[in-house]
Amino acid sequence: MYKIAYSPEVVDELRPLRVFDRRSVLVAVDRHLKFDALAGGNSRKRVELDDGRVFHQLRVGDFRIFYSADQSNRTVVIRHIRYKGRKTTSEIL
């Protein structure tokens, strides 16, 4: 089981969301990342940015949850939660 931690930016990104959306995001984080954060699947993928940073992405409706996982410490850090809409992934990070 992974410990879930949230970066300070995520608190600010969650605040303006509707209660329904906020709850959906938090439930999805708990459901999908708590037990197997590095698994692939239809709603998850690995994202490598041009500057060399690597994140994992969890898709929840129109939202994208970007996180990093440390398998040795069994820790997941939620880095960003973004509304995607019609933007590409590189535009929202």
C-alpha atoms as a PDB file:
ATOM      1  CA  MET A   1       0.000   0.000   0.000  1.00  0.00           C
ATOM      2  CA  TYR A   2       1.269   3.485  -0.926  1.00  0.00           C
ATOM      3  CA  LYS A   3       1.095   6.537   1.308  1.00  0.00           C
ATOM      4  CA  ILE A   4      -0.534   9.456  -0.553  1.00  0.00           C
ATOM      5  CA  ALA A   5       0.904  12.960  -0.090  1.00  0.00           C
ATOM      6  CA  TYR A   6      -0.224  16.192  -1.731  1.00  0.00           C
ATOM      7  CA  SER A   7       2.083  19.015  -2.779  1.00  0.00           C
ATOM      8  CA  PRO A   8       1.127  22.504  -1.525  1.00  0.00           C
ATOM      9  CA  GLU A   9       0.116  23.538  -5.060  1.00  0.00           C
ATOM     10  CA  VAL A  10      -2.535  20.821  -5.180  1.00  0.00           C
ATOM     11  CA  VAL A  11      -4.439  22.367  -2.282  1.00  0.00           C
ATOM     12  CA  ASP A  12      -4.709  25.611  -4.272  1.00  0.00           C
ATOM     13  CA  GLU A  13      -5.710  23.681  -7.409  1.00  0.00           C
ATOM     14  CA  LEU A  14      -8.460  21.768  -5.594  1.00  0.00           C
ATOM     15  CA  ARG A  15     -10.000  24.801  -3.893  1.00  0.00           C
ATOM     16  CA  PRO A  16     -11.804  26.316  -6.944  1.00  0.00           C
ATOM     17  CA  LEU A  17     -13.231  22.969  -8.112  1.00  0.00           C
ATOM     18  CA  ARG A  18     -16.879  22.175  -7.645  1.00  0.00           C
ATOM     19  CA  VAL A  19     -17.510  19.878  -4.676  1.00  0.00           C
ATOM     20  CA  PHE A  20     -18.590  17.079  -7.025  1.00  0.00           C
ATOM     21  CA  ASP A  21     -15.380  17.343  -9.085  1.00  0.00           C
ATOM     22  CA  ARG A  22     -13.165  17.628  -6.024  1.00  0.00           C
ATOM     23  CA  ARG A  23     -14.729  14.532  -4.496  1.00  0.00           C
ATOM     24  CA  SER A  24     -14.378  12.583  -7.773  1.00  0.00           C
ATOM     25  CA  VAL A  25     -10.684  13.452  -7.981  1.00  0.00           C
ATOM     26  CA  LEU A  26      -9.939  12.535  -4.370  1.00  0.00           C
ATOM     27  CA  VAL A  27     -11.862   9.260  -4.567  1.00  0.00           C
ATOM     28  CA  ALA A  28     -10.028   8.334  -7.777  1.00  0.00           C
ATOM     29  CA  VAL A  29      -6.644   9.059  -6.173  1.00  0.00           C
ATOM     30  CA  ASP A  30      -7.509   6.805  -3.267  1.00  0.00           C
ATOM     31  CA  ARG A  31      -8.994   4.063  -5.439  1.00  0.00           C
ATOM     32  CA  HIS A  32      -6.347   3.928  -8.177  1.00  0.00           C
ATOM     33  CA  LEU A  33      -3.088   4.998  -6.550  1.00  0.00           C
ATOM     34  CA  LYS A  34      -3.180   3.684  -3.004  1.00  0.00           C
ATOM     35  CA  PHE A  35      -2.480   0.057  -3.908  1.00  0.00           C
ATOM     36  CA  ASP A  36      -0.733   0.068  -7.294  1.00  0.00           C
ATOM     37  CA  ALA A  37       0.472   3.518  -8.323  1.00  0.00           C
ATOM     38  CA  LEU A  38       2.736   2.375 -11.137  1.00  0.00           C
ATOM     39  CA  ALA A  39       0.336   0.067 -12.955  1.00  0.00           C
ATOM     40  CA  GLY A  40      -0.611   0.949 -16.491  1.00  0.00           C
ATOM     41  CA  GLY A  41      -4.109   0.987 -17.834  1.00  0.00           C
ATOM     42  CA  ASN A  42      -6.649   2.910 -19.841  1.00  0.00           C
ATOM     43  CA  SER A  43      -6.745   5.833 -17.418  1.00  0.00           C
ATOM     44  CA  ARG A  44      -3.028   5.988 -16.553  1.00  0.00           C
ATOM     45  CA  LYS A  45       0.136   6.754 -18.428  1.00  0.00           C
ATOM     46  CA  ARG A  46       3.729   7.850 -17.979  1.00  0.00           C
ATOM     47  CA  VAL A  47       4.503  11.402 -19.112  1.00  0.00           C
ATOM     48  CA  GLU A  48       8.040  12.542 -19.897  1.00  0.00           C
ATOM     49  CA  LEU A  49       8.436  16.299 -20.345  1.00  0.00           C
ATOM     50  CA  ASP A  50      10.940  18.034 -22.611  1.00  0.00           C
ATOM     51  CA  ASP A  51      12.981  19.173 -19.600  1.00  0.00           C
ATOM     52  CA  GLY A  52      13.507  15.555 -18.500  1.00  0.00           C
ATOM     53  CA  ARG A  53      10.967  15.442 -15.679  1.00  0.00           C
ATOM     54  CA  VAL A  54       8.867  12.302 -15.513  1.00  0.00           C
ATOM     55  CA  PHE A  55       5.371  12.151 -14.071  1.00  0.00           C
ATOM     56  CA  HIS A  56       2.586   9.656 -14.121  1.00  0.00           C
ATOM     57  CA  GLN A  57      -0.882  10.768 -15.141  1.00  0.00           C
ATOM     58  CA  LEU A  58      -4.251   9.534 -13.943  1.00  0.00           C
ATOM     59  CA  ARG A  59      -7.257  10.564 -16.040  1.00  0.00           C
ATOM     60  CA  VAL A  60     -10.458  11.312 -14.140  1.00  0.00           C
ATOM     61  CA  GLY A  61     -13.091  12.663 -16.517  1.00  0.00           C
ATOM     62  CA  ASP A  62     -11.850  16.025 -17.797  1.00  0.00           C
ATOM     63  CA  PHE A  63      -9.198  16.236 -15.074  1.00  0.00           C
ATOM     64  CA  ARG A  64      -5.625  15.024 -15.148  1.00  0.00           C
ATOM     65  CA  ILE A  65      -3.834  14.115 -11.942  1.00  0.00           C
ATOM     66  CA  PHE A  66      -0.052  14.268 -12.237  1.00  0.00           C
ATOM     67  CA  TYR A  67       1.934  12.378  -9.637  1.00  0.00           C
ATOM     68  CA  SER A  68       5.281  10.823  -8.885  1.00  0.00           C
ATOM     69  CA  ALA A  69       5.679   7.481  -7.152  1.00  0.00           C
ATOM     70  CA  ASP A  70       8.596   6.212  -5.118  1.00  0.00           C
ATOM     71  CA  GLN A  71       8.362   2.447  -5.029  1.00  0.00           C
ATOM     72  CA  SER A  72      11.109   2.007  -2.418  1.00  0.00           C
ATOM     73  CA  ASN A  73       9.353   4.292   0.096  1.00  0.00           C
ATOM     74  CA  ARG A  74       5.866   3.274  -1.085  1.00  0.00           C
ATOM     75  CA  THR A  75       4.924   6.952  -1.427  1.00  0.00           C
ATOM     76  CA  VAL A  76       2.878   8.765  -4.061  1.00  0.00           C
ATOM     77  CA  VAL A  77       3.114  12.543  -4.275  1.00  0.00           C
ATOM     78  CA  ILE A  78       0.272  14.255  -6.103  1.00  0.00           C
ATOM     79  CA  ARG A  79       1.983  17.132  -7.951  1.00  0.00           C
ATOM     80  CA  HIS A  80      -0.780  18.786  -9.976  1.00  0.00           C
ATOM     81  CA  ILE A  81      -4.467  18.475 -10.742  1.00  0.00           C
ATOM     82  CA  ARG A  82      -5.448  20.140 -13.984  1.00  0.00           C
ATOM     83  CA  TYR A  83      -8.581  20.541 -16.042  1.00  0.00           C
ATOM     84  CA  LYS A  84      -7.714  19.271 -19.503  1.00  0.00           C
ATOM     85  CA  GLY A  85     -10.561  20.204 -21.794  1.00  0.00           C
ATOM     86  CA  ARG A  86      -9.222  20.322 -25.355  1.00  0.00           C
ATOM     87  CA  LYS A  87      -5.627  21.108 -24.388  1.00  0.00           C
ATOM     88  CA  THR A  88      -2.819  18.624 -24.901  1.00  0.00           C
ATOM     89  CA  THR A  89      -0.949  17.248 -21.922  1.00  0.00           C
ATOM     90  CA  SER A  90       2.151  19.353 -22.616  1.00  0.00           C
ATOM     91  CA  GLU A  91       0.002  22.517 -22.591  1.00  0.00           C
ATOM     92  CA  ILE A  92      -1.471  21.835 -19.156  1.00  0.00           C
ATOM     93  CA  LEU A  93       1.833  21.260 -17.381  1.00  0.00           C
END
